[in-house]
Amino acid sequence: MFHRKIRKVPGLNASSTADISFMLLIFFLVTTSMDIDKGITRQLPPIQKEKEQLPTSVSSNLVMKLYVTADDKLLLNDEPIKVTKLRSVVEKFIANRGKNHIIQLQTSREASYDAYFRVQSEIIAAYHVLRDKSSEDIYGKPYSLCDEEQQKLVNDKVPQRISEVYEFDKKGKRE
């Protein structure tokens, strides 16, 4: 008798969805920043839970105390010093004290990251100069041209010994 004609549902137009998804992809690629984080790389020693760490006493003449104040001034053993002179002072200190030196760095919470970073850069630059001199004396070539084993020996001769001191609030939390 009466038969209804079966109608097909039209398919989705895939070309327009592909165009839209392509435009969204381009939009997110253009607006998203792909910056690589820059900073100071430090490898901290592993935590040894089974060993109880006891405080050790260190001779005060083996410790160089640096403090970055809230107004971005640098103090070396409580005496003001310019950041530009820090590299040579650190070089002399490490060369005179040998492997047992410690550079203690403390920064006020109000100090700018730029001031902190400049101090760190000068300290690391002093280590680079000393390691270059040491590798020149031992191997007759700069530190960067030494192989991994040679660099390890130079690192053992001129170890990087930087201690950062953090300020704590009254509740014992790090500020």
C-alpha atoms as a PDB file:
ATOM      1  CA  MET A   1       0.000   0.000   0.000  1.00  0.00           C
ATOM      2  CA  PHE A   2       1.604   3.115   1.163  1.00  0.00           C
ATOM      3  CA  HIS A   3       5.285   2.853   1.451  1.00  0.00           C
ATOM      4  CA  ARG A   4       7.310   5.560   2.942  1.00  0.00           C
ATOM      5  CA  LYS A   5      10.416   6.422   1.165  1.00  0.00           C
ATOM      6  CA  ILE A   6      13.478   5.944   3.383  1.00  0.00           C
ATOM      7  CA  ARG A   7      15.558   9.070   3.421  1.00  0.00           C
ATOM      8  CA  LYS A   8      19.251   9.058   4.095  1.00  0.00           C
ATOM      9  CA  VAL A   9      20.761  11.543   6.508  1.00  0.00           C
ATOM     10  CA  PRO A  10      23.264  13.697   4.670  1.00  0.00           C
ATOM     11  CA  GLY A  11      26.912  13.156   5.733  1.00  0.00           C
ATOM     12  CA  LEU A  12      28.999  15.763   7.447  1.00  0.00           C
ATOM     13  CA  ASN A  13      30.998  17.957   5.120  1.00  0.00           C
ATOM     14  CA  ALA A  14      34.554  17.024   6.125  1.00  0.00           C
ATOM     15  CA  SER A  15      36.329  19.677   4.079  1.00  0.00           C
ATOM     16  CA  SER A  16      35.006  22.574   6.164  1.00  0.00           C
ATOM     17  CA  THR A  17      35.869  20.858   9.482  1.00  0.00           C
ATOM     18  CA  ALA A  18      39.383  20.194   8.224  1.00  0.00           C
ATOM     19  CA  ASP A  19      39.737  23.885   7.336  1.00  0.00           C
ATOM     20  CA  ILE A  20      38.516  24.968  10.775  1.00  0.00           C
ATOM     21  CA  SER A  21      40.796  22.529  12.619  1.00  0.00           C
ATOM     22  CA  PHE A  22      43.763  23.668  10.510  1.00  0.00           C
ATOM     23  CA  MET A  23      43.033  27.328  11.337  1.00  0.00           C
ATOM     24  CA  LEU A  24      42.776  26.480  15.066  1.00  0.00           C
ATOM     25  CA  LEU A  25      46.080  24.637  14.891  1.00  0.00           C
ATOM     26  CA  ILE A  26      47.766  27.631  13.240  1.00  0.00           C
ATOM     27  CA  PHE A  27      46.183  29.982  15.799  1.00  0.00           C
ATOM     28  CA  PHE A  28      47.551  27.996  18.761  1.00  0.00           C
ATOM     29  CA  LEU A  29      50.984  27.637  17.195  1.00  0.00           C
ATOM     30  CA  VAL A  30      51.193  31.390  16.647  1.00  0.00           C
ATOM     31  CA  THR A  31      49.873  32.431  20.072  1.00  0.00           C
ATOM     32  CA  THR A  32      51.663  29.850  22.231  1.00  0.00           C
ATOM     33  CA  SER A  33      55.193  30.620  23.328  1.00  0.00           C
ATOM     34  CA  MET A  34      57.722  27.850  22.953  1.00  0.00           C
ATOM     35  CA  ASP A  35      60.425  29.406  25.119  1.00  0.00           C
ATOM     36  CA  ILE A  36      63.017  27.147  26.651  1.00  0.00           C
ATOM     37  CA  ASP A  37      63.432  27.739  30.350  1.00  0.00           C
ATOM     38  CA  LYS A  38      66.745  29.278  31.213  1.00  0.00           C
ATOM     39  CA  GLY A  39      68.255  29.189  34.620  1.00  0.00           C
ATOM     40  CA  ILE A  40      70.984  27.889  36.793  1.00  0.00           C
ATOM     41  CA  THR A  41      71.553  24.168  36.626  1.00  0.00           C
ATOM     42  CA  ARG A  42      72.580  22.571  39.863  1.00  0.00           C
ATOM     43  CA  GLN A  43      72.856  18.902  40.664  1.00  0.00           C
ATOM     44  CA  LEU A  44      72.057  18.383  44.310  1.00  0.00           C
ATOM     45  CA  PRO A  45      73.488  15.431  46.201  1.00  0.00           C
ATOM     46  CA  PRO A  46      71.036  12.575  46.768  1.00  0.00           C
ATOM     47  CA  ILE A  47      69.246  12.389  50.105  1.00  0.00           C
ATOM     48  CA  GLN A  48      70.530   9.557  52.254  1.00  0.00           C
ATOM     49  CA  LYS A  49      67.673   8.707  54.602  1.00  0.00           C
ATOM     50  CA  GLU A  50      69.456   5.942  56.490  1.00  0.00           C
ATOM     51  CA  LYS A  51      72.372   8.172  57.419  1.00  0.00           C
ATOM     52  CA  GLU A  52      71.888  10.802  60.059  1.00  0.00           C
ATOM     53  CA  GLN A  53      73.649  13.943  58.978  1.00  0.00           C
ATOM     54  CA  LEU A  54      75.611  15.644  61.658  1.00  0.00           C
ATOM     55  CA  PRO A  55      76.627  19.273  61.367  1.00  0.00           C
ATOM     56  CA  THR A  56      80.313  19.719  60.728  1.00  0.00           C
ATOM     57  CA  SER A  57      82.424  22.606  61.831  1.00  0.00           C
ATOM     58  CA  VAL A  58      84.319  24.467  59.151  1.00  0.00           C
ATOM     59  CA  SER A  59      87.131  26.897  59.711  1.00  0.00           C
ATOM     60  CA  SER A  60      85.937  30.447  59.064  1.00  0.00           C
ATOM     61  CA  ASN A  61      88.933  31.203  56.836  1.00  0.00           C
ATOM     62  CA  LEU A  62      87.706  28.506  54.405  1.00  0.00           C
ATOM     63  CA  VAL A  63      84.273  30.149  54.014  1.00  0.00           C
ATOM     64  CA  MET A  64      83.496  33.097  51.761  1.00  0.00           C
ATOM     65  CA  LYS A  65      80.154  34.610  52.790  1.00  0.00           C
ATOM     66  CA  LEU A  66      78.227  36.458  50.099  1.00  0.00           C
ATOM     67  CA  TYR A  67      74.953  38.233  50.811  1.00  0.00           C
ATOM     68  CA  VAL A  68      72.660  39.914  48.270  1.00  0.00           C
ATOM     69  CA  THR A  69      70.650  42.580  50.093  1.00  0.00           C
ATOM     70  CA  ALA A  70      67.070  43.669  49.459  1.00  0.00           C
ATOM     71  CA  ASP A  71      68.315  46.667  47.445  1.00  0.00           C
ATOM     72  CA  ASP A  72      70.497  44.379  45.242  1.00  0.00           C
ATOM     73  CA  LYS A  73      73.792  45.316  46.883  1.00  0.00           C
ATOM     74  CA  LEU A  74      76.415  42.606  47.341  1.00  0.00           C
ATOM     75  CA  LEU A  75      78.235  42.067  50.624  1.00  0.00           C
ATOM     76  CA  LEU A  76      81.372  39.941  50.904  1.00  0.00           C
ATOM     77  CA  ASN A  77      81.979  38.940  54.539  1.00  0.00           C
ATOM     78  CA  ASP A  78      79.768  41.903  55.572  1.00  0.00           C
ATOM     79  CA  GLU A  79      81.773  44.365  53.426  1.00  0.00           C
ATOM     80  CA  PRO A  80      80.262  45.906  50.259  1.00  0.00           C
ATOM     81  CA  ILE A  81      81.766  44.778  46.963  1.00  0.00           C
ATOM     82  CA  LYS A  82      80.879  45.413  43.329  1.00  0.00           C
ATOM     83  CA  VAL A  83      79.655  42.443  41.314  1.00  0.00           C
ATOM     84  CA  THR A  84      82.224  43.262  38.627  1.00  0.00           C
ATOM     85  CA  LYS A  85      85.064  42.592  41.094  1.00  0.00           C
ATOM     86  CA  LEU A  86      83.543  39.374  42.426  1.00  0.00           C
ATOM     87  CA  ARG A  87      85.023  37.044  39.799  1.00  0.00           C
ATOM     88  CA  SER A  88      88.650  37.919  40.558  1.00  0.00           C
ATOM     89  CA  VAL A  89      88.045  37.797  44.326  1.00  0.00           C
ATOM     90  CA  VAL A  90      86.425  34.351  44.040  1.00  0.00           C
ATOM     91  CA  GLU A  91      89.273  33.109  41.812  1.00  0.00           C
ATOM     92  CA  LYS A  92      91.897  34.176  44.363  1.00  0.00           C
ATOM     93  CA  PHE A  93      89.880  32.710  47.241  1.00  0.00           C
ATOM     94  CA  ILE A  94      89.482  29.292  45.575  1.00  0.00           C
ATOM     95  CA  ALA A  95      93.106  29.213  44.394  1.00  0.00           C
ATOM     96  CA  ASN A  96      94.394  29.994  47.909  1.00  0.00           C
ATOM     97  CA  ARG A  97      92.054  27.636  49.800  1.00  0.00           C
ATOM     98  CA  GLY A  98      92.145  24.626  47.469  1.00  0.00           C
ATOM     99  CA  LYS A  99      89.544  21.862  47.612  1.00  0.00           C
ATOM    100  CA  ASN A 100      88.300  22.727  51.108  1.00  0.00           C
ATOM    101  CA  HIS A 101      86.832  26.132  50.282  1.00  0.00           C
ATOM    102  CA  ILE A 102      83.114  26.894  50.660  1.00  0.00           C
ATOM    103  CA  ILE A 103      81.271  29.777  49.043  1.00  0.00           C
ATOM    104  CA  GLN A 104      78.185  30.563  51.094  1.00  0.00           C
ATOM    105  CA  LEU A 105      75.528  32.554  49.255  1.00  0.00           C
ATOM    106  CA  GLN A 106      72.553  34.098  51.003  1.00  0.00           C
ATOM    107  CA  THR A 107      69.970  36.242  49.259  1.00  0.00           C
ATOM    108  CA  SER A 108      67.308  38.478  50.727  1.00  0.00           C
ATOM    109  CA  ARG A 109      63.783  37.575  49.649  1.00  0.00           C
ATOM    110  CA  GLU A 110      63.314  41.135  48.383  1.00  0.00           C
ATOM    111  CA  ALA A 111      66.394  40.991  46.139  1.00  0.00           C
ATOM    112  CA  SER A 112      65.768  40.797  42.417  1.00  0.00           C
ATOM    113  CA  TYR A 113      66.411  37.615  40.490  1.00  0.00           C
ATOM    114  CA  ASP A 114      68.666  39.600  38.173  1.00  0.00           C
ATOM    115  CA  ALA A 115      71.021  40.495  41.041  1.00  0.00           C
ATOM    116  CA  TYR A 116      71.049  36.885  42.258  1.00  0.00           C
ATOM    117  CA  PHE A 117      71.711  35.622  38.739  1.00  0.00           C
ATOM    118  CA  ARG A 118      74.583  38.086  38.178  1.00  0.00           C
ATOM    119  CA  VAL A 119      76.275  36.913  41.398  1.00  0.00           C
ATOM    120  CA  GLN A 120      75.820  33.258  40.418  1.00  0.00           C
ATOM    121  CA  SER A 121      77.196  33.976  36.935  1.00  0.00           C
ATOM    122  CA  GLU A 122      80.334  35.595  38.341  1.00  0.00           C
ATOM    123  CA  ILE A 123      80.934  32.687  40.729  1.00  0.00           C
ATOM    124  CA  ILE A 124      80.524  30.123  37.944  1.00  0.00           C
ATOM    125  CA  ALA A 125      82.748  32.187  35.629  1.00  0.00           C
ATOM    126  CA  ALA A 126      85.487  32.109  38.283  1.00  0.00           C
ATOM    127  CA  TYR A 127      85.211  28.316  38.432  1.00  0.00           C
ATOM    128  CA  HIS A 128      85.433  28.134  34.626  1.00  0.00           C
ATOM    129  CA  VAL A 129      88.608  30.239  34.609  1.00  0.00           C
ATOM    130  CA  LEU A 130      90.222  28.090  37.308  1.00  0.00           C
ATOM    131  CA  ARG A 131      89.227  24.852  35.587  1.00  0.00           C
ATOM    132  CA  ASP A 132      90.626  26.149  32.296  1.00  0.00           C
ATOM    133  CA  LYS A 133      93.922  27.038  34.006  1.00  0.00           C
ATOM    134  CA  SER A 134      94.051  23.646  35.707  1.00  0.00           C
ATOM    135  CA  SER A 135      93.364  21.714  32.502  1.00  0.00           C
ATOM    136  CA  GLU A 136      95.958  23.821  30.645  1.00  0.00           C
ATOM    137  CA  ASP A 137      98.528  22.951  33.325  1.00  0.00           C
ATOM    138  CA  ILE A 138      97.704  19.229  33.317  1.00  0.00           C
ATOM    139  CA  TYR A 139      96.716  18.467  29.708  1.00  0.00           C
ATOM    140  CA  GLY A 140      97.882  21.512  27.760  1.00  0.00           C
ATOM    141  CA  LYS A 141      94.389  22.264  26.448  1.00  0.00           C
ATOM    142  CA  PRO A 142      91.310  24.157  27.668  1.00  0.00           C
ATOM    143  CA  TYR A 143      88.722  22.437  29.853  1.00  0.00           C
ATOM    144  CA  SER A 144      86.093  22.443  27.090  1.00  0.00           C
ATOM    145  CA  LEU A 145      88.381  20.396  24.795  1.00  0.00           C
ATOM    146  CA  CYS A 146      89.124  17.729  27.414  1.00  0.00           C
ATOM    147  CA  ASP A 147      87.347  14.390  27.244  1.00  0.00           C
ATOM    148  CA  GLU A 148      84.910  13.306  29.948  1.00  0.00           C
ATOM    149  CA  GLU A 149      87.512  11.498  32.070  1.00  0.00           C
ATOM    150  CA  GLN A 150      89.916  14.440  31.941  1.00  0.00           C
ATOM    151  CA  GLN A 151      87.108  16.845  32.884  1.00  0.00           C
ATOM    152  CA  LYS A 152      86.243  14.632  35.851  1.00  0.00           C
ATOM    153  CA  LEU A 153      89.842  14.810  37.086  1.00  0.00           C
ATOM    154  CA  VAL A 154      89.863  18.598  36.710  1.00  0.00           C
ATOM    155  CA  ASN A 155      86.492  18.792  38.510  1.00  0.00           C
ATOM    156  CA  ASP A 156      87.993  16.782  41.376  1.00  0.00           C
ATOM    157  CA  LYS A 157      90.935  19.165  41.516  1.00  0.00           C
ATOM    158  CA  VAL A 158      88.708  22.293  41.391  1.00  0.00           C
ATOM    159  CA  PRO A 159      85.374  21.210  42.938  1.00  0.00           C
ATOM    160  CA  GLN A 160      82.374  23.519  42.854  1.00  0.00           C
ATOM    161  CA  ARG A 161      81.494  24.070  46.512  1.00  0.00           C
ATOM    162  CA  ILE A 162      78.615  26.543  46.720  1.00  0.00           C
ATOM    163  CA  SER A 163      76.289  26.538  49.706  1.00  0.00           C
ATOM    164  CA  GLU A 164      73.042  28.480  49.531  1.00  0.00           C
ATOM    165  CA  VAL A 165      71.538  29.639  52.806  1.00  0.00           C
ATOM    166  CA  TYR A 166      67.795  30.093  53.056  1.00  0.00           C
ATOM    167  CA  GLU A 167      65.988  32.333  55.482  1.00  0.00           C
ATOM    168  CA  PHE A 168      63.311  30.715  57.652  1.00  0.00           C
ATOM    169  CA  ASP A 169      60.262  32.341  59.192  1.00  0.00           C
ATOM    170  CA  LYS A 170      59.182  31.898  62.827  1.00  0.00           C
ATOM    171  CA  LYS A 171      57.164  28.770  61.976  1.00  0.00           C
ATOM    172  CA  GLY A 172      60.243  27.046  60.559  1.00  0.00           C
ATOM    173  CA  LYS A 173      59.141  27.336  56.937  1.00  0.00           C
ATOM    174  CA  ARG A 174      61.524  28.496  54.271  1.00  0.00           C
ATOM    175  CA  GLU A 175      60.706  32.011  53.125  1.00  0.00           C
END
